Amino acid sequence: MVVNSRYRNALERFELLLRRLEDSDRQTREDSGSIGEVTGREAMRTNSIKSEMLALVRSLIRY
């Protein structure tokens, strides 16, 4: 299957964002010692990554 370079690039970007999200989650657990304890800064970082991912998915849906 031939994948348009635009979609391939978007999928690569999505993968990088997902890795950042996973790293952020891991760091939050290590810093707090508990999954439930999240500081405002960590929550903002996670929400920022999620927003980027959502925008990327929406841009792919439009095409």
PDB file of N, CA and C in Angstrom:
ATOM      1  N   MET A   1       0.843  -1.180   0.000  1.00  0.00           N
ATOM      2  CA  MET A   1       0.000   0.000   0.000  1.00  0.00           C
ATOM      3  C   MET A   1       0.889   1.245   0.000  1.00  0.00           C
ATOM      4  N   VAL A   2       0.633   2.127  -0.930  1.00  0.00           N
ATOM      5  CA  VAL A   2       1.380   3.370  -1.009  1.00  0.00           C
ATOM      6  C   VAL A   2       0.713   4.396  -0.107  1.00  0.00           C
ATOM      7  N   VAL A   3       1.522   4.986   0.746  1.00  0.00           N
ATOM      8  CA  VAL A   3       0.988   5.970   1.680  1.00  0.00           C
ATOM      9  C   VAL A   3       1.493   7.340   1.259  1.00  0.00           C
ATOM     10  N   ASN A   4       0.587   8.262   1.129  1.00  0.00           N
ATOM     11  CA  ASN A   4       0.916   9.631   0.799  1.00  0.00           C
ATOM     12  C   ASN A   4       1.922  10.157   1.817  1.00  0.00           C
ATOM     13  N   SER A   5       2.923  10.906   1.349  1.00  0.00           N
ATOM     14  CA  SER A   5       3.959  11.411   2.258  1.00  0.00           C
ATOM     15  C   SER A   5       3.375  12.320   3.333  1.00  0.00           C
ATOM     16  N   ARG A   6       2.302  13.009   3.021  1.00  0.00           N
ATOM     17  CA  ARG A   6       1.660  13.879   4.018  1.00  0.00           C
ATOM     18  C   ARG A   6       1.139  13.043   5.190  1.00  0.00           C
ATOM     19  N   TYR A   7       0.503  11.931   4.872  1.00  0.00           N
ATOM     20  CA  TYR A   7      -0.021  11.058   5.922  1.00  0.00           C
ATOM     21  C   TYR A   7       1.104  10.358   6.675  1.00  0.00           C
ATOM     22  N   ARG A   8       2.128   9.944   5.939  1.00  0.00           N
ATOM     23  CA  ARG A   8       3.274   9.299   6.592  1.00  0.00           C
ATOM     24  C   ARG A   8       3.926  10.264   7.584  1.00  0.00           C
ATOM     25  N   ASN A   9       4.124  11.509   7.160  1.00  0.00           N
ATOM     26  CA  ASN A   9       4.708  12.515   8.049  1.00  0.00           C
ATOM     27  C   ASN A   9       3.814  12.764   9.256  1.00  0.00           C
ATOM     28  N   ALA A  10       2.518  12.813   9.024  1.00  0.00           N
ATOM     29  CA  ALA A  10       1.581  13.039  10.127  1.00  0.00           C
ATOM     30  C   ALA A  10       1.609  11.871  11.107  1.00  0.00           C
ATOM     31  N   LEU A  11       1.680  10.656  10.587  1.00  0.00           N
ATOM     32  CA  LEU A  11       1.743   9.488  11.465  1.00  0.00           C
ATOM     33  C   LEU A  11       3.045   9.454  12.259  1.00  0.00           C
ATOM     34  N   GLU A  12       4.140   9.863  11.630  1.00  0.00           N
ATOM     35  CA  GLU A  12       5.413   9.935  12.352  1.00  0.00           C
ATOM     36  C   GLU A  12       5.336  10.979  13.461  1.00  0.00           C
ATOM     37  N   ARG A  13       4.720  12.112  13.160  1.00  0.00           N
ATOM     38  CA  ARG A  13       4.546  13.170  14.175  1.00  0.00           C
ATOM     39  C   ARG A  13       3.667  12.663  15.317  1.00  0.00           C
ATOM     40  N   PHE A  14       2.602  11.957  14.981  1.00  0.00           N
ATOM     41  CA  PHE A  14       1.701  11.406  15.985  1.00  0.00           C
ATOM     42  C   PHE A  14       2.457  10.436  16.894  1.00  0.00           C
ATOM     43  N   GLU A  15       3.302   9.609  16.295  1.00  0.00           N
ATOM     44  CA  GLU A  15       4.090   8.661  17.087  1.00  0.00           C
ATOM     45  C   GLU A  15       5.015   9.399  18.053  1.00  0.00           C
ATOM     46  N   LEU A  16       5.653  10.458  17.592  1.00  0.00           N
ATOM     47  CA  LEU A  16       6.524  11.240  18.468  1.00  0.00           C
ATOM     48  C   LEU A  16       5.744  11.874  19.615  1.00  0.00           C
ATOM     49  N   LEU A  17       4.561  12.398  19.303  1.00  0.00           N
ATOM     50  CA  LEU A  17       3.732  12.994  20.348  1.00  0.00           C
ATOM     51  C   LEU A  17       3.291  11.943  21.362  1.00  0.00           C
ATOM     52  N   LEU A  18       2.954  10.768  20.875  1.00  0.00           N
ATOM     53  CA  LEU A  18       2.553   9.689  21.771  1.00  0.00           C
ATOM     54  C   LEU A  18       3.704   9.302  22.695  1.00  0.00           C
ATOM     55  N   ARG A  19       4.902   9.243  22.155  1.00  0.00           N
ATOM     56  CA  ARG A  19       6.074   8.944  22.992  1.00  0.00           C
ATOM     57  C   ARG A  19       6.290  10.027  24.043  1.00  0.00           C
ATOM     58  N   ARG A  20       6.117  11.298  23.645  1.00  0.00           N
ATOM     59  CA  ARG A  20       6.250  12.393  24.616  1.00  0.00           C
ATOM     60  C   ARG A  20       5.216  12.260  25.720  1.00  0.00           C
ATOM     61  N   LEU A  21       3.999  11.889  25.342  1.00  0.00           N
ATOM     62  CA  LEU A  21       2.932  11.717  26.322  1.00  0.00           C
ATOM     63  C   LEU A  21       3.271  10.581  27.282  1.00  0.00           C
ATOM     64  N   GLU A  22       3.760   9.476  26.746  1.00  0.00           N
ATOM     65  CA  GLU A  22       4.153   8.349  27.592  1.00  0.00           C
ATOM     66  C   GLU A  22       5.299   8.742  28.523  1.00  0.00           C
ATOM     67  N   ASP A  23       6.287   9.472  28.003  1.00  0.00           N
ATOM     68  CA  ASP A  23       7.406   9.921  28.831  1.00  0.00           C
ATOM     69  C   ASP A  23       6.938  10.871  29.922  1.00  0.00           C
ATOM     70  N   SER A  24       6.016  11.754  29.570  1.00  0.00           N
ATOM     71  CA  SER A  24       5.471  12.694  30.546  1.00  0.00           C
ATOM     72  C   SER A  24       4.739  11.957  31.660  1.00  0.00           C
ATOM     73  N   ASP A  25       3.959  10.967  31.285  1.00  0.00           N
ATOM     74  CA  ASP A  25       3.223  10.172  32.268  1.00  0.00           C
ATOM     75  C   ASP A  25       4.184   9.418  33.180  1.00  0.00           C
ATOM     76  N   ARG A  26       5.210   8.833  32.604  1.00  0.00           N
ATOM     77  CA  ARG A  26       6.213   8.095  33.375  1.00  0.00           C
ATOM     78  C   ARG A  26       6.930   9.032  34.353  1.00  0.00           C
ATOM     79  N   GLN A  27       7.304  10.217  33.865  1.00  0.00           N
ATOM     80  CA  GLN A  27       7.994  11.193  34.716  1.00  0.00           C
ATOM     81  C   GLN A  27       7.092  11.654  35.851  1.00  0.00           C
ATOM     82  N   THR A  28       5.813  11.842  35.570  1.00  0.00           N
ATOM     83  CA  THR A  28       4.859  12.252  36.602  1.00  0.00           C
ATOM     84  C   THR A  28       4.786  11.206  37.702  1.00  0.00           C
ATOM     85  N   ARG A  29       4.715   9.950  37.326  1.00  0.00           N
ATOM     86  CA  ARG A  29       4.662   8.875  38.325  1.00  0.00           C
ATOM     87  C   ARG A  29       5.939   8.826  39.151  1.00  0.00           C
ATOM     88  N   GLU A  30       7.084   8.997  38.491  1.00  0.00           N
ATOM     89  CA  GLU A  30       8.358   8.960  39.208  1.00  0.00           C
ATOM     90  C   GLU A  30       8.488  10.139  40.164  1.00  0.00           C
ATOM     91  N   ASP A  31       8.055  11.317  39.726  1.00  0.00           N
ATOM     92  CA  ASP A  31       8.170  12.519  40.554  1.00  0.00           C
ATOM     93  C   ASP A  31       7.239  12.496  41.745  1.00  0.00           C
ATOM     94  N   SER A  32       6.041  11.990  41.545  1.00  0.00           N
ATOM     95  CA  SER A  32       5.033  12.065  42.599  1.00  0.00           C
ATOM     96  C   SER A  32       4.977  10.802  43.444  1.00  0.00           C
ATOM     97  N   GLY A  33       5.441   9.695  42.911  1.00  0.00           N
ATOM     98  CA  GLY A  33       5.350   8.439  43.635  1.00  0.00           C
ATOM     99  C   GLY A  33       3.967   7.830  43.575  1.00  0.00           C
ATOM    100  N   SER A  34       3.047   8.515  42.921  1.00  0.00           N
ATOM    101  CA  SER A  34       1.680   8.016  42.809  1.00  0.00           C
ATOM    102  C   SER A  34       1.072   8.536  41.524  1.00  0.00           C
ATOM    103  N   ILE A  35       0.325   7.696  40.855  1.00  0.00           N
ATOM    104  CA  ILE A  35      -0.315   8.097  39.603  1.00  0.00           C
ATOM    105  C   ILE A  35      -1.312   9.230  39.835  1.00  0.00           C
ATOM    106  N   GLY A  36      -1.972   9.249  40.974  1.00  0.00           N
ATOM    107  CA  GLY A  36      -3.019  10.228  41.239  1.00  0.00           C
ATOM    108  C   GLY A  36      -2.525  11.625  41.545  1.00  0.00           C
ATOM    109  N   GLU A  37      -1.257  11.775  41.906  1.00  0.00           N
ATOM    110  CA  GLU A  37      -0.730  13.090  42.266  1.00  0.00           C
ATOM    111  C   GLU A  37      -0.066  13.737  41.054  1.00  0.00           C
ATOM    112  N   VAL A  38      -0.696  14.762  40.529  1.00  0.00           N
ATOM    113  CA  VAL A  38      -0.162  15.452  39.361  1.00  0.00           C
ATOM    114  C   VAL A  38      -0.165  16.942  39.645  1.00  0.00           C
ATOM    115  N   THR A  39       0.979  17.587  39.454  1.00  0.00           N
ATOM    116  CA  THR A  39       1.049  19.026  39.668  1.00  0.00           C
ATOM    117  C   THR A  39       0.426  19.751  38.489  1.00  0.00           C
ATOM    118  N   GLY A  40       0.146  21.024  38.676  1.00  0.00           N
ATOM    119  CA  GLY A  40      -0.442  21.827  37.607  1.00  0.00           C
ATOM    120  C   GLY A  40       0.432  21.885  36.374  1.00  0.00           C
ATOM    121  N   ARG A  41       1.733  22.017  36.575  1.00  0.00           N
ATOM    122  CA  ARG A  41       2.658  22.106  35.440  1.00  0.00           C
ATOM    123  C   ARG A  41       2.655  20.810  34.630  1.00  0.00           C
ATOM    124  N   GLU A  42       2.669  19.687  35.327  1.00  0.00           N
ATOM    125  CA  GLU A  42       2.658  18.391  34.643  1.00  0.00           C
ATOM    126  C   GLU A  42       1.347  18.185  33.886  1.00  0.00           C
ATOM    127  N   ALA A  43       0.248  18.599  34.490  1.00  0.00           N
ATOM    128  CA  ALA A  43      -1.052  18.477  33.826  1.00  0.00           C
ATOM    129  C   ALA A  43      -1.094  19.351  32.577  1.00  0.00           C
ATOM    130  N   MET A  44      -0.536  20.559  32.663  1.00  0.00           N
ATOM    131  CA  MET A  44      -0.511  21.451  31.505  1.00  0.00           C
ATOM    132  C   MET A  44       0.333  20.851  30.383  1.00  0.00           C
ATOM    133  N   ARG A  45       1.463  20.257  30.732  1.00  0.00           N
ATOM    134  CA  ARG A  45       2.334  19.639  29.724  1.00  0.00           C
ATOM    135  C   ARG A  45       1.591  18.499  29.022  1.00  0.00           C
ATOM    136  N   THR A  46       0.936  17.665  29.807  1.00  0.00           N
ATOM    137  CA  THR A  46       0.184  16.543  29.247  1.00  0.00           C
ATOM    138  C   THR A  46      -0.959  17.039  28.372  1.00  0.00           C
ATOM    139  N   ASN A  47      -1.685  18.040  28.838  1.00  0.00           N
ATOM    140  CA  ASN A  47      -2.799  18.580  28.054  1.00  0.00           C
ATOM    141  C   ASN A  47      -2.312  19.213  26.756  1.00  0.00           C
ATOM    142  N   SER A  48      -1.153  19.841  26.791  1.00  0.00           N
ATOM    143  CA  SER A  48      -0.586  20.443  25.591  1.00  0.00           C
ATOM    144  C   SER A  48      -0.278  19.372  24.550  1.00  0.00           C
ATOM    145  N   ILE A  49       0.311  18.273  24.982  1.00  0.00           N
ATOM    146  CA  ILE A  49       0.627  17.179  24.062  1.00  0.00           C
ATOM    147  C   ILE A  49      -0.655  16.584  23.498  1.00  0.00           C
ATOM    148  N   LYS A  50      -1.646  16.382  24.356  1.00  0.00           N
ATOM    149  CA  LYS A  50      -2.923  15.828  23.896  1.00  0.00           C
ATOM    150  C   LYS A  50      -3.581  16.758  22.881  1.00  0.00           C
ATOM    151  N   SER A  51      -3.501  18.063  23.105  1.00  0.00           N
ATOM    152  CA  SER A  51      -4.082  19.029  22.172  1.00  0.00           C
ATOM    153  C   SER A  51      -3.397  18.953  20.810  1.00  0.00           C
ATOM    154  N   GLU A  52      -2.064  18.822  20.812  1.00  0.00           N
ATOM    155  CA  GLU A  52      -1.329  18.684  19.553  1.00  0.00           C
ATOM    156  C   GLU A  52      -1.756  17.424  18.813  1.00  0.00           C
ATOM    157  N   MET A  53      -1.914  16.337  19.551  1.00  0.00           N
ATOM    158  CA  MET A  53      -2.320  15.072  18.933  1.00  0.00           C
ATOM    159  C   MET A  53      -3.715  15.188  18.337  1.00  0.00           C
ATOM    160  N   LEU A  54      -4.619  15.800  19.064  1.00  0.00           N
ATOM    161  CA  LEU A  54      -5.987  15.962  18.586  1.00  0.00           C
ATOM    162  C   LEU A  54      -6.023  16.836  17.332  1.00  0.00           C
ATOM    163  N   ALA A  55      -5.256  17.921  17.323  1.00  0.00           N
ATOM    164  CA  ALA A  55      -5.211  18.793  16.152  1.00  0.00           C
ATOM    165  C   ALA A  55      -4.664  18.042  14.938  1.00  0.00           C
ATOM    166  N   LEU A  56      -3.662  17.213  15.165  1.00  0.00           N
ATOM    167  CA  LEU A  56      -3.095  16.430  14.074  1.00  0.00           C
ATOM    168  C   LEU A  56      -4.117  15.450  13.509  1.00  0.00           C
ATOM    169  N   VAL A  57      -4.823  14.763  14.369  1.00  0.00           N
ATOM    170  CA  VAL A  57      -5.849  13.814  13.924  1.00  0.00           C
ATOM    171  C   VAL A  57      -6.949  14.545  13.164  1.00  0.00           C
ATOM    172  N   ARG A  58      -7.378  15.688  13.665  1.00  0.00           N
ATOM    173  CA  ARG A  58      -8.427  16.459  12.982  1.00  0.00           C
ATOM    174  C   ARG A  58      -7.971  16.905  11.599  1.00  0.00           C
ATOM    175  N   SER A  59      -6.696  17.298  11.476  1.00  0.00           N
ATOM    176  CA  SER A  59      -6.199  17.725  10.162  1.00  0.00           C
ATOM    177  C   SER A  59      -6.189  16.558   9.176  1.00  0.00           C
ATOM    178  N   LEU A  60      -5.916  15.357   9.669  1.00  0.00           N
ATOM    179  CA  LEU A  60      -5.943  14.184   8.790  1.00  0.00           C
ATOM    180  C   LEU A  60      -7.362  13.831   8.376  1.00  0.00           C
ATOM    181  N   ILE A  61      -8.303  13.998   9.271  1.00  0.00           N
ATOM    182  CA  ILE A  61      -9.701  13.680   8.975  1.00  0.00           C
ATOM    183  C   ILE A  61     -10.237  14.598   7.880  1.00  0.00           C
ATOM    184  N   ARG A  62      -9.799  15.851   7.870  1.00  0.00           N
ATOM    185  CA  ARG A  62     -10.284  16.813   6.883  1.00  0.00           C
ATOM    186  C   ARG A  62      -9.871  16.456   5.462  1.00  0.00           C
ATOM    187  N   TYR A  63      -8.810  15.695   5.304  1.00  0.00           N
ATOM    188  CA  TYR A  63      -8.305  15.373   3.960  1.00  0.00           C
ATOM    189  C   TYR A  63      -8.692  14.011   3.508  1.00  0.00           C
TER     190      TYR A  63
END
